[in-house]
Amino acid sequence: MLLDVESNEDLELIKNSLNELLIREWSSFGAKKHEVSREKVLDLFNKFKELGVFQFIKETSLTNALIINELLGENLLPGIIATTAMLGVESPATLGANYVPEADKAEIILSPKGIAYKDEVELIEVDSPDPSIKMFKIINGNWKASDLDFNKAMLMASAQIIGHGVACMKEAIEYAKTRTTFGKPIGSYQAIKHRIVDDVISLELVRSRYLSNPKDAQSIFKHAYRKALKSILNSIQIHGGIGFTADLDLHLHLKRVIALEKIFH
């Protein structure tokens, strides 16, 4: 990432611990992350809780919390971990305006109308754009006032979306270095080079909005969605020399970003 964000000891400690956990417990699933069992997802959730990731997000600065959420998006964490991290709570939680993901695993649900326990909300399962998460439509609920800020959660979701975009651009850059055509890496051609540079800069410009001036969460979220979606689609196109394959997790990042847009739409 290009944007220079001042780091600190606490942030580096949690990032290093989180990376070790991901390497040990998650990265090995590769492009099969959507096939991980419910038991493994909940086990991983508990390991995140034990590590103090959710507590850190709750108690740290907004900038630190956003950076951790970027990392969660980049690593394509299970939906219930992603939504709980948006809220910075330690119990499984989800959120949404009209649709909520992972309500079957959540204990609490946040909407713009307030907060409610899952059994206080009438839900109906609907088709999900992301095969790794279940999606539910909110029919009605017994909502109560909450200290949790829906707009702040939308900023966290924006950071996750950018994380998804960054992950796909990293894969595109590495592929452009190794894939050759006419005896040269495809990354040496201006059409590919300029596309990658444009997308990386676009993602960084969104980061600059929520890291330096996190105002108007809805506008930032829409901006993040547009730029990340474009960068992911371009990454898929750059990989077009080998076809669109389930051996890559690009399509999972794409589907997760689409799902996130749905819950805040």
Protein backbone atom coordinates (compact mmCIF):
# COMPACT_ATOMS: atom_id res chain seq x y z
CA MET A 1 0.00 0.00 0.00
CA LEU A 2 1.27 3.46 -0.90
CA LEU A 3 -0.34 5.59 1.79
CA ASP A 4 2.04 6.24 4.67
CA VAL A 5 0.14 5.54 7.88
CA GLU A 6 1.99 5.98 11.16
CA SER A 7 2.20 2.64 12.90
CA ASN A 8 2.53 1.86 16.60
CA GLU A 9 3.65 -1.00 18.79
CA ASP A 10 0.15 -2.24 19.68
CA LEU A 11 -0.94 -2.29 16.05
CA GLU A 12 2.17 -4.14 14.90
CA LEU A 13 1.80 -6.67 17.72
CA ILE A 14 -1.80 -7.53 16.85
CA LYS A 15 -0.99 -7.62 13.11
CA ASN A 16 1.91 -9.99 13.65
CA SER A 17 -0.15 -12.24 15.93
CA LEU A 18 -3.03 -12.18 13.47
CA ASN A 19 -0.77 -13.08 10.54
CA GLU A 20 0.64 -16.03 12.48
CA LEU A 21 -2.90 -17.23 13.22
CA LEU A 22 -3.96 -16.87 9.59
CA ILE A 23 -0.93 -18.80 8.32
CA ARG A 24 -1.56 -21.56 10.83
CA GLU A 25 -5.36 -21.81 10.64
CA TRP A 26 -6.67 -20.23 7.44
CA SER A 27 -4.30 -19.61 4.53
CA SER A 28 -3.97 -23.30 3.69
CA PHE A 29 -7.60 -23.40 2.48
CA GLY A 30 -6.62 -21.28 -0.53
CA ALA A 31 -9.43 -20.97 -3.06
CA LYS A 32 -11.57 -23.46 -1.08
CA LYS A 33 -12.37 -21.03 1.72
CA HIS A 34 -16.06 -21.13 0.80
CA GLU A 35 -16.12 -24.87 1.52
CA VAL A 36 -14.85 -24.62 5.11
CA SER A 37 -17.20 -26.26 7.60
CA ARG A 38 -19.35 -24.37 10.06
CA GLU A 39 -17.41 -25.98 12.91
CA LYS A 40 -14.10 -24.68 11.57
CA VAL A 41 -15.56 -21.20 11.08
CA LEU A 42 -16.78 -21.05 14.69
CA ASP A 43 -13.48 -22.48 15.94
CA LEU A 44 -11.62 -19.76 14.04
CA PHE A 45 -14.00 -17.15 15.46
CA ASN A 46 -13.12 -18.28 18.99
CA LYS A 47 -9.40 -18.13 18.19
CA PHE A 48 -9.85 -14.53 16.99
CA LYS A 49 -11.65 -13.74 20.23
CA GLU A 50 -8.94 -15.39 22.35
CA LEU A 51 -6.27 -13.47 20.46
CA GLY A 52 -8.07 -10.23 21.34
CA VAL A 53 -8.73 -9.06 17.78
CA PHE A 54 -12.32 -7.96 18.44
CA GLN A 55 -11.39 -6.29 21.71
CA PHE A 56 -8.54 -4.46 19.99
CA ILE A 57 -10.91 -3.13 17.31
CA LYS A 58 -13.29 -1.94 20.04
CA GLU A 59 -10.67 -0.18 22.18
CA THR A 60 -8.10 1.12 19.69
CA SER A 61 -8.17 4.23 17.51
CA LEU A 62 -10.41 4.43 14.47
CA THR A 63 -7.36 4.32 12.17
CA ASN A 64 -6.02 1.15 13.76
CA ALA A 65 -9.44 -0.50 13.61
CA LEU A 66 -9.74 0.34 9.91
CA ILE A 67 -6.30 -1.10 9.16
CA ILE A 68 -7.19 -4.37 10.90
CA ASN A 69 -10.42 -4.56 8.91
CA GLU A 70 -8.42 -4.07 5.70
CA LEU A 71 -6.34 -7.08 6.69
CA LEU A 72 -9.46 -9.16 7.35
CA GLY A 73 -10.84 -8.34 3.91
CA GLU A 74 -7.52 -9.07 2.23
CA ASN A 75 -7.48 -12.53 3.82
CA LEU A 76 -11.12 -13.29 2.96
CA LEU A 77 -12.13 -14.22 6.50
CA PRO A 78 -15.44 -16.03 7.16
CA GLY A 79 -18.50 -13.79 7.12
CA ILE A 80 -19.28 -13.96 10.84
CA ILE A 81 -15.72 -12.87 11.69
CA ALA A 82 -15.92 -10.05 9.14
CA THR A 83 -19.24 -8.69 10.41
CA THR A 84 -18.29 -8.98 14.09
CA ALA A 85 -15.07 -7.09 13.35
CA MET A 86 -17.05 -4.29 11.71
CA LEU A 87 -18.85 -3.78 15.02
CA GLY A 88 -15.93 -4.38 17.39
CA VAL A 89 -17.87 -6.69 19.69
CA GLU A 90 -16.86 -10.05 21.13
CA SER A 91 -20.12 -11.95 20.61
CA PRO A 92 -20.96 -13.19 17.11
CA ALA A 93 -22.77 -10.31 15.44
CA THR A 94 -24.04 -9.23 12.07
CA LEU A 95 -25.55 -6.12 10.55
CA GLY A 96 -27.36 -4.74 7.55
CA ALA A 97 -29.98 -2.32 6.34
CA ASN A 98 -32.46 -4.70 4.71
CA TYR A 99 -30.33 -7.84 4.40
CA VAL A 100 -27.97 -9.41 6.92
CA PRO A 101 -25.34 -12.12 6.36
CA GLU A 102 -24.60 -14.98 8.71
CA ALA A 103 -27.63 -14.42 10.95
CA ASP A 104 -27.66 -18.16 11.61
CA LYS A 105 -24.33 -17.79 13.44
CA ALA A 106 -24.97 -14.41 15.08
CA GLU A 107 -26.27 -13.58 18.54
CA ILE A 108 -27.02 -9.91 17.86
CA ILE A 109 -28.07 -7.95 14.79
CA LEU A 110 -27.49 -4.24 14.16
CA SER A 111 -29.54 -2.23 11.69
CA PRO A 112 -30.00 1.52 11.15
CA LYS A 113 -33.09 1.17 13.39
CA GLY A 114 -31.09 -0.16 16.36
CA ILE A 115 -29.94 -3.44 17.81
CA ALA A 116 -31.76 -6.68 18.63
CA TYR A 117 -31.06 -10.24 19.65
CA LYS A 118 -31.39 -12.65 16.76
CA ASP A 119 -34.55 -14.26 18.18
CA GLU A 120 -36.17 -10.79 18.25
CA VAL A 121 -35.81 -10.38 14.49
CA GLU A 122 -37.99 -12.03 11.87
CA LEU A 123 -35.79 -13.17 8.99
CA ILE A 124 -36.20 -15.09 5.78
CA GLU A 125 -33.26 -16.73 4.01
CA VAL A 126 -32.62 -15.53 0.46
CA ASP A 127 -30.09 -16.38 -2.25
CA SER A 128 -26.62 -15.14 -1.41
CA PRO A 129 -24.18 -13.75 -3.99
CA ASP A 130 -21.37 -15.21 -1.88
CA PRO A 131 -21.32 -19.03 -1.50
CA SER A 132 -19.38 -18.75 1.77
CA ILE A 133 -22.14 -16.91 3.65
CA LYS A 134 -25.88 -17.25 4.15
CA MET A 135 -27.99 -14.18 3.46
CA PHE A 136 -31.23 -13.22 5.20
CA LYS A 137 -33.84 -10.54 4.54
CA ILE A 138 -35.09 -8.56 7.55
CA ILE A 139 -38.88 -8.67 7.80
CA ASN A 140 -39.24 -6.87 11.14
CA GLY A 141 -37.57 -6.71 14.53
CA ASN A 142 -37.78 -5.51 18.11
CA TRP A 143 -35.09 -2.86 17.74
CA LYS A 144 -33.57 -1.01 20.70
CA ALA A 145 -31.22 1.96 20.91
CA SER A 146 -27.54 1.05 20.83
CA ASP A 147 -24.14 2.61 21.39
CA LEU A 148 -22.94 0.81 18.27
CA ASP A 149 -22.64 3.19 15.33
CA PHE A 150 -23.98 1.85 12.03
CA ASN A 151 -22.05 4.49 10.07
CA LYS A 152 -18.80 3.53 11.80
CA ALA A 153 -19.49 -0.10 10.88
CA MET A 154 -19.96 1.04 7.28
CA LEU A 155 -16.47 2.58 7.39
CA MET A 156 -15.11 -0.75 8.62
CA ALA A 157 -16.90 -2.48 5.76
CA SER A 158 -15.32 0.01 3.34
CA ALA A 159 -11.90 -0.93 4.70
CA GLN A 160 -12.67 -4.63 4.22
CA ILE A 161 -13.81 -3.97 0.66
CA ILE A 162 -10.54 -2.21 -0.10
CA GLY A 163 -8.72 -5.17 1.46
CA HIS A 164 -10.47 -7.47 -1.01
CA GLY A 165 -9.41 -5.20 -3.86
CA VAL A 166 -5.80 -5.07 -2.64
CA ALA A 167 -5.64 -8.88 -2.41
CA CYS A 168 -6.73 -9.23 -6.03
CA MET A 169 -4.33 -6.57 -7.24
CA LYS A 170 -1.45 -8.35 -5.49
CA GLU A 171 -2.38 -11.54 -7.34
CA ALA A 172 -2.62 -9.62 -10.62
CA ILE A 173 0.82 -8.06 -10.11
CA GLU A 174 2.45 -11.41 -9.34
CA TYR A 175 0.74 -13.05 -12.31
CA ALA A 176 1.79 -10.21 -14.63
CA LYS A 177 5.41 -10.84 -13.59
CA THR A 178 5.34 -14.55 -14.42
CA ARG A 179 2.89 -14.95 -17.31
CA THR A 180 4.69 -14.48 -20.62
CA THR A 181 3.45 -13.82 -24.13
CA PHE A 182 5.61 -13.24 -27.21
CA GLY A 183 8.57 -13.99 -24.97
CA LYS A 184 7.91 -11.18 -22.48
CA PRO A 185 6.06 -10.94 -19.12
CA ILE A 186 2.62 -9.47 -19.73
CA GLY A 187 3.38 -6.88 -17.05
CA SER A 188 5.92 -5.31 -19.39
CA TYR A 189 3.17 -4.23 -21.79
CA GLN A 190 1.78 -0.75 -21.23
CA ALA A 191 -1.85 -1.82 -21.43
CA ILE A 192 -1.39 -4.14 -18.42
CA LYS A 193 1.05 -1.88 -16.59
CA HIS A 194 -1.18 1.19 -16.81
CA ARG A 195 -4.29 -0.74 -15.78
CA ILE A 196 -2.59 -2.08 -12.64
CA VAL A 197 -1.18 1.33 -11.70
CA ASP A 198 -4.55 3.02 -12.20
CA ASP A 199 -6.31 0.46 -10.01
CA VAL A 200 -3.73 0.57 -7.23
CA ILE A 201 -3.90 4.36 -7.10
CA SER A 202 -7.71 4.26 -7.11
CA LEU A 203 -7.71 1.94 -4.07
CA GLU A 204 -5.22 4.16 -2.28
CA LEU A 205 -7.34 7.25 -2.88
CA VAL A 206 -10.27 5.56 -1.17
CA ARG A 207 -7.99 4.59 1.74
CA SER A 208 -6.94 8.23 2.07
CA ARG A 209 -10.59 9.20 2.54
CA TYR A 210 -11.42 6.88 5.43
CA LEU A 211 -7.99 7.00 7.09
CA SER A 212 -7.46 10.77 6.99
CA ASN A 213 -10.96 12.22 6.78
CA PRO A 214 -13.58 9.58 7.70
CA LYS A 215 -16.68 11.67 7.06
CA ASP A 216 -19.80 10.72 5.10
CA ALA A 217 -19.55 6.96 5.57
CA GLN A 218 -22.15 6.24 2.90
CA SER A 219 -20.23 8.15 0.23
CA ILE A 220 -16.96 6.46 1.23
CA PHE A 221 -18.60 3.04 1.12
CA LYS A 222 -19.97 3.64 -2.39
CA HIS A 223 -16.57 4.92 -3.51
CA ALA A 224 -14.83 1.85 -2.04
CA TYR A 225 -17.29 -0.50 -3.71
CA ARG A 226 -16.90 1.07 -7.17
CA LYS A 227 -13.11 1.10 -7.11
CA ALA A 228 -12.65 -2.33 -5.54
CA LEU A 229 -15.16 -3.91 -7.93
CA LYS A 230 -13.33 -2.40 -10.89
CA SER A 231 -9.93 -3.53 -9.64
CA ILE A 232 -11.15 -7.08 -8.97
CA LEU A 233 -12.75 -7.37 -12.40
CA ASN A 234 -9.56 -6.06 -13.99
CA SER A 235 -7.52 -8.57 -11.99
CA ILE A 236 -9.73 -11.37 -13.29
CA GLN A 237 -9.27 -10.06 -16.85
CA ILE A 238 -5.50 -9.90 -16.43
CA HIS A 239 -5.63 -13.58 -15.47
CA GLY A 240 -7.61 -14.26 -18.66
CA GLY A 241 -4.68 -16.00 -20.32
CA ILE A 242 -5.41 -19.09 -18.21
CA GLY A 243 -9.15 -18.66 -18.11
CA PHE A 244 -11.44 -18.02 -15.18
CA THR A 245 -10.60 -20.82 -12.78
CA ALA A 246 -11.84 -21.94 -9.38
CA ASP A 247 -8.20 -22.58 -8.48
CA LEU A 248 -7.92 -18.84 -7.79
CA ASP A 249 -9.79 -17.01 -5.04
CA LEU A 250 -10.40 -13.91 -7.18
CA HIS A 251 -14.02 -14.92 -7.75
CA LEU A 252 -14.53 -15.32 -3.98
CA HIS A 253 -13.29 -11.78 -3.34
CA LEU A 254 -15.62 -10.55 -6.07
CA LYS A 255 -18.63 -12.31 -4.59
CA ARG A 256 -17.85 -11.10 -1.07
CA VAL A 257 -17.64 -7.48 -2.22
CA ILE A 258 -20.99 -7.84 -4.00
CA ALA A 259 -22.49 -9.35 -0.83
CA LEU A 260 -21.19 -6.48 1.30
CA GLU A 261 -22.76 -3.96 -1.06
CA LYS A 262 -26.08 -5.79 -0.74
CA ILE A 263 -26.23 -5.54 3.05
CA PHE A 264 -25.65 -1.78 3.08
CA HIS A 265 -27.80 -1.00 0.03
